[in-house]
Structure formats: structure tokens, C-alpha cells
Amino acid sequence: MLEEWQTSWKNGDTGRKIFNIMPSVSLRPTNWIREDVIFFSQHGPFPAYLKRFHLSDSDYCSCGEIGTALHYATECIYTVSWHMRKPAPNFEQEKGRQ
């Protein structure tokens, strides 16, 4: 069963951002907190996510840029005090993929 799950995870079309972080499946739970899951999956109260599911009319942040988790964490002028260093370019390429 675990082998079948791993094959499905490896060849899947969804969850690629998380797959890049955790490429192997496991029956052991992770120690991620809720905020980590929201940030890395980008499934949270971000304009880009809400628009994708027709829960908002706009995917833009108040600053005028597309409102993704990465945007708020690295470049938004309204969240400067929480900024972190931008990830490596290979992660940036994943940013545009849905």
C-alpha cells in the first residue's frame, strides 16, 4: 500500500509545492504547525488562492501585486517586518505553477 501511495504521490499533478519539500510518503505524522502547512501549500487566506476558487473577485494584494503566500513573506510593502529571504530560483519557477 505504501509503495502504491508513493507512486501516486510521485506521479501526481497536484501538491507539487509540498512534493518538492517532502518527496517521500510516510505513515508517521509530520511536526508541521498549521501556519507551515498554510504557507507551503499556499492554501490559505491569500487573494490568489481565494480568487482561484471564486471566493474573491481579485487576486491582488492591497499593494497592487499578486497576493500569494510568498509575496507576503518576501516582498509586500505591508508585511516588511515579517519578511524572510526569498527562496532559491528553482522554487520561484514553481510559484507560477498551479
Protein backbone atom coordinates (compact mmCIF):
# COMPACT_ATOMS: atom_id res chain seq x y z
CA MET A 1 0.00 0.00 0.00
CA LEU A 2 2.79 2.43 0.91
CA GLU A 3 4.56 1.72 -2.38
CA GLU A 4 1.35 2.42 -4.34
CA TRP A 5 0.83 5.66 -2.41
CA GLN A 6 4.43 6.73 -3.12
CA THR A 7 3.99 6.07 -6.85
CA SER A 8 0.77 8.07 -6.88
CA TRP A 9 2.42 10.95 -4.97
CA LYS A 10 5.47 10.93 -7.25
CA ASN A 11 3.44 10.93 -10.48
CA GLY A 12 0.62 13.22 -9.33
CA ASP A 13 -0.33 16.57 -10.79
CA THR A 14 -1.31 18.29 -7.56
CA GLY A 15 0.59 19.17 -4.42
CA ARG A 16 3.87 19.76 -6.23
CA LYS A 17 5.00 22.52 -3.85
CA ILE A 18 4.73 20.11 -0.93
CA PHE A 19 6.20 17.27 -3.01
CA ASN A 20 9.32 19.39 -3.58
CA ILE A 21 9.71 19.64 0.21
CA MET A 22 8.56 16.13 1.15
CA PRO A 23 9.04 13.77 -1.82
CA SER A 24 8.53 10.59 0.23
CA VAL A 25 5.27 9.46 1.78
CA SER A 26 5.20 8.19 5.34
CA LEU A 27 2.76 6.84 7.87
CA ARG A 28 4.44 8.98 10.51
CA PRO A 29 2.87 12.42 11.00
CA THR A 30 4.97 15.50 10.36
CA ASN A 31 5.59 18.02 13.09
CA TRP A 32 4.41 20.90 10.95
CA ILE A 33 2.24 23.51 12.60
CA ARG A 34 -0.88 24.84 10.88
CA GLU A 35 0.87 28.00 9.69
CA ASP A 36 3.61 25.96 7.99
CA VAL A 37 1.02 23.92 6.11
CA ILE A 38 -0.83 27.07 5.03
CA PHE A 39 2.36 28.79 3.89
CA PHE A 40 3.95 25.91 1.98
CA SER A 41 0.71 24.69 0.39
CA GLN A 42 -0.41 28.28 -0.23
CA HIS A 43 -3.91 27.11 0.70
CA GLY A 44 -4.91 29.94 2.96
CA PRO A 45 -6.42 33.40 3.14
CA PHE A 46 -4.34 34.75 0.26
CA PRO A 47 -6.03 36.68 -2.55
CA ALA A 48 -4.51 34.44 -5.25
CA TYR A 49 -5.91 31.32 -3.55
CA LEU A 50 -9.32 32.85 -2.84
CA LYS A 51 -9.68 34.04 -6.45
CA ARG A 52 -8.70 30.61 -7.76
CA PHE A 53 -11.72 29.13 -6.00
CA HIS A 54 -14.03 32.03 -6.87
CA LEU A 55 -14.14 33.24 -3.26
CA SER A 56 -12.82 36.66 -4.24
CA ASP A 57 -13.06 38.90 -7.29
CA SER A 58 -9.38 39.80 -7.20
CA ASP A 59 -6.09 38.00 -6.71
CA TYR A 60 -4.27 41.24 -5.93
CA CYS A 61 -2.82 42.33 -2.60
CA SER A 62 -3.58 45.86 -1.38
CA CYS A 63 -0.10 46.86 -2.57
CA GLY A 64 -1.01 46.02 -6.18
CA GLU A 65 0.93 42.76 -6.58
CA ILE A 66 -0.49 39.23 -6.84
CA GLY A 67 -1.27 38.12 -3.29
CA THR A 68 0.44 34.79 -2.70
CA ALA A 69 2.00 33.46 0.50
CA LEU A 70 5.44 34.03 -0.99
CA HIS A 71 4.54 37.62 -1.87
CA TYR A 72 3.53 38.43 1.71
CA ALA A 73 6.61 36.68 3.12
CA THR A 74 9.20 38.28 0.85
CA GLU A 75 8.10 41.42 -0.96
CA CYS A 76 4.87 43.05 0.19
CA ILE A 77 5.37 46.56 1.50
CA TYR A 78 2.68 45.97 4.14
CA THR A 79 4.44 42.95 5.71
CA VAL A 80 8.05 44.15 5.72
CA SER A 81 8.55 43.43 9.42
CA TRP A 82 7.81 39.71 8.76
CA HIS A 83 9.85 39.32 5.57
CA MET A 84 12.25 36.46 5.07
CA ARG A 85 14.87 35.93 2.40
CA LYS A 86 13.46 34.94 -0.98
CA PRO A 87 13.85 31.24 -1.85
CA ALA A 88 16.20 29.84 -4.47
CA PRO A 89 15.27 30.42 -8.14
CA ASN A 90 14.13 26.80 -8.66
CA PHE A 91 11.36 27.39 -6.09
CA GLU A 92 10.44 30.62 -7.86
CA GLN A 93 9.69 28.61 -11.01
CA GLU A 94 7.19 26.54 -9.03
CA LYS A 95 5.47 29.72 -7.81
CA GLY A 96 3.68 30.25 -11.12
CA ARG A 97 2.51 26.64 -11.44
CA GLN A 98 -0.86 25.72 -10.02
